[in-house]
Amino acid sequence: MKRIIALLLVGLMLLCGGCAGNQTAEQGIEFYYVTNTTQNTGSSLRAERDRMVNASVPDVVNRLFAGPYEELSRQTFPTGTMLLGWSLKNGALQLNLSESFGRQSGIAMTQAVYCIVLTVTQLEGVDSVSITVNGNTLPGVASGALTAADVVLKGEMEDPVTISSQLYFPLEDGSGLGVEYREFEVSDDSVEAQAAGVLKQLALGPSEQNMTHFLSQPGIMEIHSVEFGVCRLELDNQTLSCLWKDNGYLELHLYALVDSLAELDGIETVVLYLGGELISGGEAGYSAVYEFN
């Protein structure tokens, strides 16, 4: 069965069905926070329901930043995060936040952005959200307008399996790849499920400041199959453009993906496809390269 990861990117399994449609404030608002993983092994995010009569965008955002009231959630936003300004036009909400919000990076930033998007898109008339900090655009997955449907995090799994693996991200100075050791949950212990989990983690970006997020816009990556050590990976144009966006870093972007997948038992070579066709130049596939000249 194909396992599709939408990057935000992409890649990590829509949370509850309440994310899909807008709600009026009179019916109550679900405020999203990062799950306290020391007490809960379910989704990466969880919602706390609160009733707000005639809630405005500032009311909802300020209530979200105030933090959770349930022990199963934890504060997701840095101290001092404030709403500096906002505008709403044709369903597109733009939020300008204080400098404190921009001090996050990697997974923490991605999760915080997702919590905002899932919360405020419940308001009538809000279809998408873009975020700036002191007027400056955020990097990576937060760089554009996001809808609730774009938010793809760790999926709802009946019997999740926890695995650990090494992930590779380009170093900021372009000298090679940095390594990050991470534990995460997958739907089962098949190599396809593990590979899908690796892609989700790559989509979240690095947690170390000396490494860069090379998947900088929403796109699709799909583990089509893994057979005889060969992983067939289907990409769309958006994801492909992320890998090829800077010829000077092409090798690093490509092998950050290949090396991360090749850490899994059962994957030795990665073959890239676009629209069902082999990507020119990669017909023989790519094997892991851990050192660069």
C-alpha atoms as a PDB file:
ATOM      1  CA  MET A   1       0.000   0.000   0.000  1.00  0.00           C
ATOM      2  CA  LYS A   2       1.273   3.432  -0.845  1.00  0.00           C
ATOM      3  CA  ARG A   3       2.170   5.656   2.048  1.00  0.00           C
ATOM      4  CA  ILE A   4       1.814   9.302   1.184  1.00  0.00           C
ATOM      5  CA  ILE A   5       3.541  12.001   3.123  1.00  0.00           C
ATOM      6  CA  ALA A   6       2.456  15.547   2.525  1.00  0.00           C
ATOM      7  CA  LEU A   7       5.396  17.876   3.458  1.00  0.00           C
ATOM      8  CA  LEU A   8       4.736  21.022   4.934  1.00  0.00           C
ATOM      9  CA  LEU A   9       5.027  20.366   4.568  1.00  0.00           C
ATOM     10  CA  VAL A  10       4.572  17.351   3.858  1.00  0.00           C
ATOM     11  CA  GLY A  11       4.613  14.243   5.360  1.00  0.00           C
ATOM     12  CA  LEU A  12       3.400  13.599   9.480  1.00  0.00           C
ATOM     13  CA  MET A  13      -1.028  12.335   9.515  1.00  0.00           C
ATOM     14  CA  LEU A  14      -3.787  14.674   9.956  1.00  0.00           C
ATOM     15  CA  LEU A  15      -4.901  14.961  13.469  1.00  0.00           C
ATOM     16  CA  CYS A  16      -8.593  14.780  14.305  1.00  0.00           C
ATOM     17  CA  GLY A  17     -11.483  15.414  11.930  1.00  0.00           C
ATOM     18  CA  GLY A  18     -12.170  18.721  13.652  1.00  0.00           C
ATOM     19  CA  CYS A  19      -9.281  20.232  11.708  1.00  0.00           C
ATOM     20  CA  ALA A  20     -11.095  19.999   8.397  1.00  0.00           C
ATOM     21  CA  GLY A  21     -13.946  22.448   8.762  1.00  0.00           C
ATOM     22  CA  ASN A  22     -14.417  25.931  10.158  1.00  0.00           C
ATOM     23  CA  GLN A  23     -16.317  26.479  13.381  1.00  0.00           C
ATOM     24  CA  THR A  24     -18.010  29.576  14.681  1.00  0.00           C
ATOM     25  CA  ALA A  25     -16.665  30.950  17.926  1.00  0.00           C
ATOM     26  CA  GLU A  26     -20.087  30.532  19.537  1.00  0.00           C
ATOM     27  CA  GLN A  27     -19.786  26.763  19.109  1.00  0.00           C
ATOM     28  CA  GLY A  28     -16.430  26.689  20.857  1.00  0.00           C
ATOM     29  CA  ILE A  29     -12.841  26.739  19.657  1.00  0.00           C
ATOM     30  CA  GLU A  30     -10.309  23.937  19.810  1.00  0.00           C
ATOM     31  CA  PHE A  31      -6.924  25.334  20.864  1.00  0.00           C
ATOM     32  CA  TYR A  32      -4.001  23.208  19.701  1.00  0.00           C
ATOM     33  CA  TYR A  33      -0.824  22.583  21.675  1.00  0.00           C
ATOM     34  CA  VAL A  34       2.048  20.114  21.574  1.00  0.00           C
ATOM     35  CA  THR A  35       1.249  16.920  23.400  1.00  0.00           C
ATOM     36  CA  ASN A  36       3.070  16.303  26.654  1.00  0.00           C
ATOM     37  CA  THR A  37       4.839  13.203  25.346  1.00  0.00           C
ATOM     38  CA  THR A  38       5.923  12.107  28.791  1.00  0.00           C
ATOM     39  CA  GLN A  39       2.277  11.362  29.536  1.00  0.00           C
ATOM     40  CA  ASN A  40       0.783  10.611  26.131  1.00  0.00           C
ATOM     41  CA  THR A  41       2.042   8.590  23.162  1.00  0.00           C
ATOM     42  CA  GLY A  42      -0.681   9.585  20.713  1.00  0.00           C
ATOM     43  CA  SER A  43      -0.615  12.487  18.251  1.00  0.00           C
ATOM     44  CA  SER A  44       2.055  15.181  18.282  1.00  0.00           C
ATOM     45  CA  LEU A  45      -0.631  17.810  18.813  1.00  0.00           C
ATOM     46  CA  ARG A  46      -3.808  17.775  20.818  1.00  0.00           C
ATOM     47  CA  ALA A  47      -6.739  20.156  21.209  1.00  0.00           C
ATOM     48  CA  GLU A  48      -8.284  21.751  24.279  1.00  0.00           C
ATOM     49  CA  ARG A  49     -11.813  22.990  23.766  1.00  0.00           C
ATOM     50  CA  ASP A  50     -12.851  26.380  25.099  1.00  0.00           C
ATOM     51  CA  ARG A  51     -15.960  28.450  24.525  1.00  0.00           C
ATOM     52  CA  MET A  52     -15.562  32.004  23.260  1.00  0.00           C
ATOM     53  CA  VAL A  53     -18.580  34.120  22.423  1.00  0.00           C
ATOM     54  CA  ASN A  54     -18.126  36.416  19.413  1.00  0.00           C
ATOM     55  CA  ALA A  55     -14.408  35.682  19.357  1.00  0.00           C
ATOM     56  CA  SER A  56     -12.204  37.809  17.120  1.00  0.00           C
ATOM     57  CA  VAL A  57      -8.836  36.860  15.633  1.00  0.00           C
ATOM     58  CA  PRO A  58      -6.921  38.690  18.413  1.00  0.00           C
ATOM     59  CA  ASP A  59      -9.108  37.049  21.076  1.00  0.00           C
ATOM     60  CA  VAL A  60      -8.353  33.562  19.770  1.00  0.00           C
ATOM     61  CA  VAL A  61      -4.634  34.164  19.155  1.00  0.00           C
ATOM     62  CA  ASN A  62      -4.097  35.713  22.589  1.00  0.00           C
ATOM     63  CA  ARG A  63      -6.002  32.878  24.253  1.00  0.00           C
ATOM     64  CA  LEU A  64      -3.815  30.370  22.379  1.00  0.00           C
ATOM     65  CA  PHE A  65      -0.607  32.105  23.469  1.00  0.00           C
ATOM     66  CA  ALA A  66      -1.791  32.091  27.092  1.00  0.00           C
ATOM     67  CA  GLY A  67      -1.084  28.353  27.114  1.00  0.00           C
ATOM     68  CA  PRO A  68      -2.891  25.088  27.853  1.00  0.00           C
ATOM     69  CA  TYR A  69      -4.839  24.308  30.987  1.00  0.00           C
ATOM     70  CA  GLU A  70      -4.680  20.508  30.713  1.00  0.00           C
ATOM     71  CA  GLU A  71      -1.685  18.459  31.868  1.00  0.00           C
ATOM     72  CA  LEU A  72      -1.680  16.408  28.673  1.00  0.00           C
ATOM     73  CA  SER A  73      -0.607  19.506  26.740  1.00  0.00           C
ATOM     74  CA  ARG A  74       2.435  21.709  27.197  1.00  0.00           C
ATOM     75  CA  GLN A  75       3.184  25.332  26.447  1.00  0.00           C
ATOM     76  CA  THR A  76       4.088  25.557  22.789  1.00  0.00           C
ATOM     77  CA  PHE A  77       4.985  29.236  22.427  1.00  0.00           C
ATOM     78  CA  PRO A  78       8.056  30.996  23.851  1.00  0.00           C
ATOM     79  CA  THR A  79       7.580  33.449  26.694  1.00  0.00           C
ATOM     80  CA  GLY A  80       6.927  36.915  25.326  1.00  0.00           C
ATOM     81  CA  THR A  81       5.193  35.776  22.129  1.00  0.00           C
ATOM     82  CA  MET A  82       2.607  38.435  21.253  1.00  0.00           C
ATOM     83  CA  LEU A  83       0.376  39.400  18.355  1.00  0.00           C
ATOM     84  CA  LEU A  84       1.711  42.678  16.916  1.00  0.00           C
ATOM     85  CA  GLY A  85      -0.783  42.995  14.073  1.00  0.00           C
ATOM     86  CA  TRP A  86      -3.053  41.129  11.696  1.00  0.00           C
ATOM     87  CA  SER A  87      -5.043  41.462   8.485  1.00  0.00           C
ATOM     88  CA  LEU A  88      -7.687  39.315   6.802  1.00  0.00           C
ATOM     89  CA  LYS A  89      -8.500  39.497   3.105  1.00  0.00           C
ATOM     90  CA  ASN A  90     -10.383  36.990   0.964  1.00  0.00           C
ATOM     91  CA  GLY A  91      -9.929  34.259   3.573  1.00  0.00           C
ATOM     92  CA  ALA A  92      -6.167  34.809   3.890  1.00  0.00           C
ATOM     93  CA  LEU A  93      -5.124  35.748   7.423  1.00  0.00           C
ATOM     94  CA  GLN A  94      -1.740  37.352   7.976  1.00  0.00           C
ATOM     95  CA  LEU A  95      -0.356  37.416  11.526  1.00  0.00           C
ATOM     96  CA  ASN A  96       2.635  39.482  12.577  1.00  0.00           C
ATOM     97  CA  LEU A  97       4.153  38.132  15.795  1.00  0.00           C
ATOM     98  CA  SER A  98       6.790  39.404  18.191  1.00  0.00           C
ATOM     99  CA  GLU A  99      10.473  38.511  18.041  1.00  0.00           C
ATOM    100  CA  SER A 100      10.140  35.842  20.733  1.00  0.00           C
ATOM    101  CA  PHE A 101       8.251  33.562  18.355  1.00  0.00           C
ATOM    102  CA  GLY A 102      11.113  33.663  15.832  1.00  0.00           C
ATOM    103  CA  ARG A 103      13.653  32.363  18.342  1.00  0.00           C
ATOM    104  CA  GLN A 104      12.407  28.817  17.756  1.00  0.00           C
ATOM    105  CA  SER A 105      13.793  26.541  15.067  1.00  0.00           C
ATOM    106  CA  GLY A 106      13.345  23.088  13.567  1.00  0.00           C
ATOM    107  CA  ILE A 107      10.615  20.915  15.033  1.00  0.00           C
ATOM    108  CA  ALA A 108       9.626  23.441  17.697  1.00  0.00           C
ATOM    109  CA  MET A 109       8.939  26.135  15.087  1.00  0.00           C
ATOM    110  CA  THR A 110       7.014  23.767  12.826  1.00  0.00           C
ATOM    111  CA  GLN A 111       4.801  22.544  15.647  1.00  0.00           C
ATOM    112  CA  ALA A 112       4.108  26.074  16.891  1.00  0.00           C
ATOM    113  CA  VAL A 113       3.080  27.203  13.406  1.00  0.00           C
ATOM    114  CA  TYR A 114       0.824  24.172  12.999  1.00  0.00           C
ATOM    115  CA  CYS A 115      -0.880  24.882  16.319  1.00  0.00           C
ATOM    116  CA  ILE A 116      -1.684  28.410  15.202  1.00  0.00           C
ATOM    117  CA  VAL A 117      -2.988  27.297  11.808  1.00  0.00           C
ATOM    118  CA  LEU A 118      -5.213  24.549  13.203  1.00  0.00           C
ATOM    119  CA  THR A 119      -6.653  26.906  15.811  1.00  0.00           C
ATOM    120  CA  VAL A 120      -7.405  30.077  13.859  1.00  0.00           C
ATOM    121  CA  THR A 121      -8.720  28.389  10.689  1.00  0.00           C
ATOM    122  CA  GLN A 122     -11.748  27.346  12.735  1.00  0.00           C
ATOM    123  CA  LEU A 123     -12.907  30.969  12.654  1.00  0.00           C
ATOM    124  CA  GLU A 124     -15.446  31.818   9.986  1.00  0.00           C
ATOM    125  CA  GLY A 125     -13.797  33.508   7.023  1.00  0.00           C
ATOM    126  CA  VAL A 126     -10.273  32.269   7.788  1.00  0.00           C
ATOM    127  CA  ASP A 127      -9.076  29.757   5.208  1.00  0.00           C
ATOM    128  CA  SER A 128      -5.306  30.140   5.312  1.00  0.00           C
ATOM    129  CA  VAL A 129      -2.690  31.644   7.612  1.00  0.00           C
ATOM    130  CA  SER A 130       0.689  33.242   6.946  1.00  0.00           C
ATOM    131  CA  ILE A 131       3.005  34.324   9.750  1.00  0.00           C
ATOM    132  CA  THR A 132       5.720  36.942   9.975  1.00  0.00           C
ATOM    133  CA  VAL A 133       7.947  37.979  12.867  1.00  0.00           C
ATOM    134  CA  ASN A 134       8.457  41.727  13.121  1.00  0.00           C
ATOM    135  CA  GLY A 135       7.389  41.830   9.494  1.00  0.00           C
ATOM    136  CA  ASN A 136       9.936  39.233   8.346  1.00  0.00           C
ATOM    137  CA  THR A 137       8.952  35.975   6.649  1.00  0.00           C
ATOM    138  CA  LEU A 138       9.735  32.774   8.512  1.00  0.00           C
ATOM    139  CA  PRO A 139      11.963  30.114   6.909  1.00  0.00           C
ATOM    140  CA  GLY A 140      11.102  26.576   5.872  1.00  0.00           C
ATOM    141  CA  VAL A 141       7.595  25.181   6.132  1.00  0.00           C
ATOM    142  CA  ALA A 142       6.302  28.395   7.682  1.00  0.00           C
ATOM    143  CA  SER A 143       7.333  30.581   4.736  1.00  0.00           C
ATOM    144  CA  GLY A 144       3.954  30.585   2.959  1.00  0.00           C
ATOM    145  CA  ALA A 145       0.228  30.571   3.587  1.00  0.00           C
ATOM    146  CA  LEU A 146      -0.952  27.334   5.197  1.00  0.00           C
ATOM    147  CA  THR A 147      -4.401  25.796   5.514  1.00  0.00           C
ATOM    148  CA  ALA A 148      -5.567  23.201   8.020  1.00  0.00           C
ATOM    149  CA  ALA A 149      -5.294  20.586   5.269  1.00  0.00           C
ATOM    150  CA  ASP A 150      -1.583  21.383   4.891  1.00  0.00           C
ATOM    151  CA  VAL A 151      -0.874  20.454   8.488  1.00  0.00           C
ATOM    152  CA  VAL A 152       0.344  16.904   8.453  1.00  0.00           C
ATOM    153  CA  LEU A 153       1.944  15.609  11.604  1.00  0.00           C
ATOM    154  CA  LYS A 154       2.290  12.268  13.273  1.00  0.00           C
ATOM    155  CA  GLY A 155      -0.703  10.114  12.412  1.00  0.00           C
ATOM    156  CA  GLU A 156      -3.344   8.524  14.526  1.00  0.00           C
ATOM    157  CA  MET A 157      -2.113   4.947  14.873  1.00  0.00           C
ATOM    158  CA  GLU A 158      -3.820   2.080  16.650  1.00  0.00           C
ATOM    159  CA  ASP A 159      -0.594   0.277  17.509  1.00  0.00           C
ATOM    160  CA  PRO A 160       2.357   2.596  16.827  1.00  0.00           C
ATOM    161  CA  VAL A 161       5.911   1.284  16.818  1.00  0.00           C
ATOM    162  CA  THR A 162       8.761   3.430  18.132  1.00  0.00           C
ATOM    163  CA  ILE A 163      11.972   3.302  16.113  1.00  0.00           C
ATOM    164  CA  SER A 164      15.227   5.235  16.232  1.00  0.00           C
ATOM    165  CA  SER A 165      17.334   6.278  13.290  1.00  0.00           C
ATOM    166  CA  GLN A 166      19.879   8.823  12.100  1.00  0.00           C
ATOM    167  CA  LEU A 167      18.693  11.747   9.977  1.00  0.00           C
ATOM    168  CA  TYR A 168      20.946  13.824   7.754  1.00  0.00           C
ATOM    169  CA  PHE A 169      20.625  17.546   7.053  1.00  0.00           C
ATOM    170  CA  PRO A 170      22.936  19.896   5.104  1.00  0.00           C
ATOM    171  CA  LEU A 171      25.316  21.919   7.245  1.00  0.00           C
ATOM    172  CA  GLU A 172      24.808  25.668   7.026  1.00  0.00           C
ATOM    173  CA  ASP A 173      28.318  26.270   5.710  1.00  0.00           C
ATOM    174  CA  GLY A 174      27.800  23.776   2.867  1.00  0.00           C
ATOM    175  CA  SER A 175      30.715  21.598   3.974  1.00  0.00           C
ATOM    176  CA  GLY A 176      28.746  18.365   4.276  1.00  0.00           C
ATOM    177  CA  LEU A 177      25.904  16.714   6.156  1.00  0.00           C
ATOM    178  CA  GLY A 178      25.089  16.939   9.829  1.00  0.00           C
ATOM    179  CA  VAL A 179      23.710  13.959  11.703  1.00  0.00           C
ATOM    180  CA  GLU A 180      20.787  13.976  14.110  1.00  0.00           C
ATOM    181  CA  TYR A 181      19.703  10.925  16.098  1.00  0.00           C
ATOM    182  CA  ARG A 182      15.921  10.808  16.573  1.00  0.00           C
ATOM    183  CA  GLU A 183      13.242   8.489  17.932  1.00  0.00           C
ATOM    184  CA  PHE A 184       9.769   8.537  16.376  1.00  0.00           C
ATOM    185  CA  GLU A 185       6.648   6.438  15.933  1.00  0.00           C
ATOM    186  CA  VAL A 186       5.550   4.621  12.788  1.00  0.00           C
ATOM    187  CA  SER A 187       2.394   2.696  11.988  1.00  0.00           C
ATOM    188  CA  ASP A 188       4.125  -0.719  11.910  1.00  0.00           C
ATOM    189  CA  ASP A 189       7.580  -2.260  11.687  1.00  0.00           C
ATOM    190  CA  SER A 190       7.638  -2.745   7.908  1.00  0.00           C
ATOM    191  CA  VAL A 191      10.490  -1.025   6.070  1.00  0.00           C
ATOM    192  CA  GLU A 192       7.947   0.966   4.047  1.00  0.00           C
ATOM    193  CA  ALA A 193       6.371   2.351   7.211  1.00  0.00           C
ATOM    194  CA  GLN A 194       9.785   3.150   8.663  1.00  0.00           C
ATOM    195  CA  ALA A 195      10.794   4.930   5.451  1.00  0.00           C
ATOM    196  CA  ALA A 196       7.575   6.959   5.550  1.00  0.00           C
ATOM    197  CA  GLY A 197       8.427   7.913   9.117  1.00  0.00           C
ATOM    198  CA  VAL A 198      11.889   9.073   8.092  1.00  0.00           C
ATOM    199  CA  LEU A 199      10.380  11.336   5.430  1.00  0.00           C
ATOM    200  CA  LYS A 200       8.027  12.876   7.983  1.00  0.00           C
ATOM    201  CA  GLN A 201      10.927  13.628  10.281  1.00  0.00           C
ATOM    202  CA  LEU A 202      12.939  15.186   7.456  1.00  0.00           C
ATOM    203  CA  ALA A 203       9.942  17.390   6.657  1.00  0.00           C
ATOM    204  CA  LEU A 204      10.022  18.771  10.199  1.00  0.00           C
ATOM    205  CA  GLY A 205      13.599  19.939   9.726  1.00  0.00           C
ATOM    206  CA  PRO A 206      16.660  19.796  11.972  1.00  0.00           C
ATOM    207  CA  SER A 207      16.697  20.758  15.623  1.00  0.00           C
ATOM    208  CA  GLU A 208      20.357  21.821  15.544  1.00  0.00           C
ATOM    209  CA  GLN A 209      21.145  25.391  14.502  1.00  0.00           C
ATOM    210  CA  ASN A 210      24.185  24.458  12.423  1.00  0.00           C
ATOM    211  CA  MET A 211      22.025  22.430  10.013  1.00  0.00           C
ATOM    212  CA  THR A 212      19.516  23.671   7.425  1.00  0.00           C
ATOM    213  CA  HIS A 213      16.010  22.705   6.336  1.00  0.00           C
ATOM    214  CA  PHE A 214      16.343  21.703   2.689  1.00  0.00           C
ATOM    215  CA  LEU A 215      12.606  20.960   2.147  1.00  0.00           C
ATOM    216  CA  SER A 216      11.436  24.560   2.176  1.00  0.00           C
ATOM    217  CA  GLN A 217       7.939  24.380   0.684  1.00  0.00           C
ATOM    218  CA  PRO A 218       4.882  22.092   0.688  1.00  0.00           C
ATOM    219  CA  GLY A 219       5.102  19.076  -1.573  1.00  0.00           C
ATOM    220  CA  ILE A 220       4.559  15.331  -1.804  1.00  0.00           C
ATOM    221  CA  MET A 221       6.931  12.418  -1.241  1.00  0.00           C
ATOM    222  CA  GLU A 222       5.608   8.898  -1.510  1.00  0.00           C
ATOM    223  CA  ILE A 223       7.237   5.580  -0.686  1.00  0.00           C
ATOM    224  CA  HIS A 224       5.993   3.566  -3.639  1.00  0.00           C
ATOM    225  CA  SER A 225       7.804   0.342  -2.785  1.00  0.00           C
ATOM    226  CA  VAL A 226      10.866  -1.175  -1.151  1.00  0.00           C
ATOM    227  CA  GLU A 227      12.075  -4.378  -2.786  1.00  0.00           C
ATOM    228  CA  PHE A 228      15.458  -6.139  -2.815  1.00  0.00           C
ATOM    229  CA  GLY A 229      17.104  -3.177  -1.090  1.00  0.00           C
ATOM    230  CA  VAL A 230      15.776  -0.626  -3.597  1.00  0.00           C
ATOM    231  CA  CYS A 231      13.467   2.122  -2.359  1.00  0.00           C
ATOM    232  CA  ARG A 232      11.316   3.639  -5.076  1.00  0.00           C
ATOM    233  CA  LEU A 233      10.497   7.201  -4.071  1.00  0.00           C
ATOM    234  CA  GLU A 234       7.892   9.255  -5.940  1.00  0.00           C
ATOM    235  CA  LEU A 235       8.242  13.046  -5.825  1.00  0.00           C
ATOM    236  CA  ASP A 236       6.148  15.915  -7.108  1.00  0.00           C
ATOM    237  CA  ASN A 237       7.430  19.073  -8.774  1.00  0.00           C
ATOM    238  CA  GLN A 238       7.370  21.086  -5.542  1.00  0.00           C
ATOM    239  CA  THR A 239       9.591  18.633  -3.678  1.00  0.00           C
ATOM    240  CA  LEU A 240      11.879  18.203  -6.655  1.00  0.00           C
ATOM    241  CA  SER A 241      12.367  21.959  -6.871  1.00  0.00           C
ATOM    242  CA  CYS A 242      13.438  21.979  -3.191  1.00  0.00           C
ATOM    243  CA  LEU A 243      16.190  19.444  -3.897  1.00  0.00           C
ATOM    244  CA  TRP A 244      17.313  21.183  -7.082  1.00  0.00           C
ATOM    245  CA  LYS A 245      16.758  24.814  -6.008  1.00  0.00           C
ATOM    246  CA  ASP A 246      20.462  25.550  -5.599  1.00  0.00           C
ATOM    247  CA  ASN A 247      22.881  23.700  -7.868  1.00  0.00           C
ATOM    248  CA  GLY A 248      25.699  24.412  -5.448  1.00  0.00           C
ATOM    249  CA  TYR A 249      23.908  22.411  -2.771  1.00  0.00           C
ATOM    250  CA  LEU A 250      22.236  19.813  -4.983  1.00  0.00           C
ATOM    251  CA  GLU A 251      24.473  16.974  -3.809  1.00  0.00           C
ATOM    252  CA  LEU A 252      23.867  17.825  -0.146  1.00  0.00           C
ATOM    253  CA  HIS A 253      20.093  18.114  -0.577  1.00  0.00           C
ATOM    254  CA  LEU A 254      19.908  14.850  -2.489  1.00  0.00           C
ATOM    255  CA  TYR A 255      22.074  12.836  -0.137  1.00  0.00           C
ATOM    256  CA  ALA A 256      20.426  14.227   2.977  1.00  0.00           C
ATOM    257  CA  LEU A 257      17.380  12.374   1.695  1.00  0.00           C
ATOM    258  CA  VAL A 258      19.183   9.280   0.401  1.00  0.00           C
ATOM    259  CA  ASP A 259      21.477   8.829   3.406  1.00  0.00           C
ATOM    260  CA  SER A 260      18.580   9.172   5.844  1.00  0.00           C
ATOM    261  CA  LEU A 261      16.572   6.460   4.078  1.00  0.00           C
ATOM    262  CA  ALA A 262      19.623   4.196   3.698  1.00  0.00           C
ATOM    263  CA  GLU A 263      20.033   4.118   7.485  1.00  0.00           C
ATOM    264  CA  LEU A 264      17.098   1.700   7.557  1.00  0.00           C
ATOM    265  CA  ASP A 265      17.682  -2.040   7.296  1.00  0.00           C
ATOM    266  CA  GLY A 266      16.328  -3.114   3.922  1.00  0.00           C
ATOM    267  CA  ILE A 267      17.223   0.040   1.961  1.00  0.00           C
ATOM    268  CA  GLU A 268      20.516   0.242   0.084  1.00  0.00           C
ATOM    269  CA  THR A 269      19.578   2.330  -2.951  1.00  0.00           C
ATOM    270  CA  VAL A 270      17.005   5.078  -3.568  1.00  0.00           C
ATOM    271  CA  VAL A 271      15.509   5.568  -7.032  1.00  0.00           C
ATOM    272  CA  LEU A 272      13.620   8.809  -7.715  1.00  0.00           C
ATOM    273  CA  TYR A 273      10.476   9.077  -9.830  1.00  0.00           C
ATOM    274  CA  LEU A 274       8.425  12.048 -10.986  1.00  0.00           C
ATOM    275  CA  GLY A 275       4.916  11.377 -12.257  1.00  0.00           C
ATOM    276  CA  GLY A 276       5.677   7.676 -12.548  1.00  0.00           C
ATOM    277  CA  GLU A 277       8.765   8.279 -14.710  1.00  0.00           C
ATOM    278  CA  LEU A 278      12.409   7.892 -13.701  1.00  0.00           C
ATOM    279  CA  ILE A 279      14.062  11.229 -13.098  1.00  0.00           C
ATOM    280  CA  SER A 280      16.723  11.786 -15.746  1.00  0.00           C
ATOM    281  CA  GLY A 281      20.223  11.197 -14.430  1.00  0.00           C
ATOM    282  CA  GLY A 282      19.113   8.994 -11.563  1.00  0.00           C
ATOM    283  CA  GLU A 283      18.162   5.855 -13.450  1.00  0.00           C
ATOM    284  CA  ALA A 284      20.692   3.705 -11.587  1.00  0.00           C
ATOM    285  CA  GLY A 285      19.571   4.997  -8.203  1.00  0.00           C
ATOM    286  CA  TYR A 286      21.544   6.617  -5.419  1.00  0.00           C
ATOM    287  CA  SER A 287      23.459   4.802  -2.693  1.00  0.00           C
ATOM    288  CA  ALA A 288      24.441   6.391   0.600  1.00  0.00           C
ATOM    289  CA  VAL A 289      27.467   8.694   0.643  1.00  0.00           C
ATOM    290  CA  TYR A 290      28.511   9.779   4.117  1.00  0.00           C
ATOM    291  CA  GLU A 291      31.535  11.866   3.236  1.00  0.00           C
ATOM    292  CA  PHE A 292      31.858  14.732   0.786  1.00  0.00           C
ATOM    293  CA  ASN A 293      34.927  16.281  -0.778  1.00  0.00           C
END
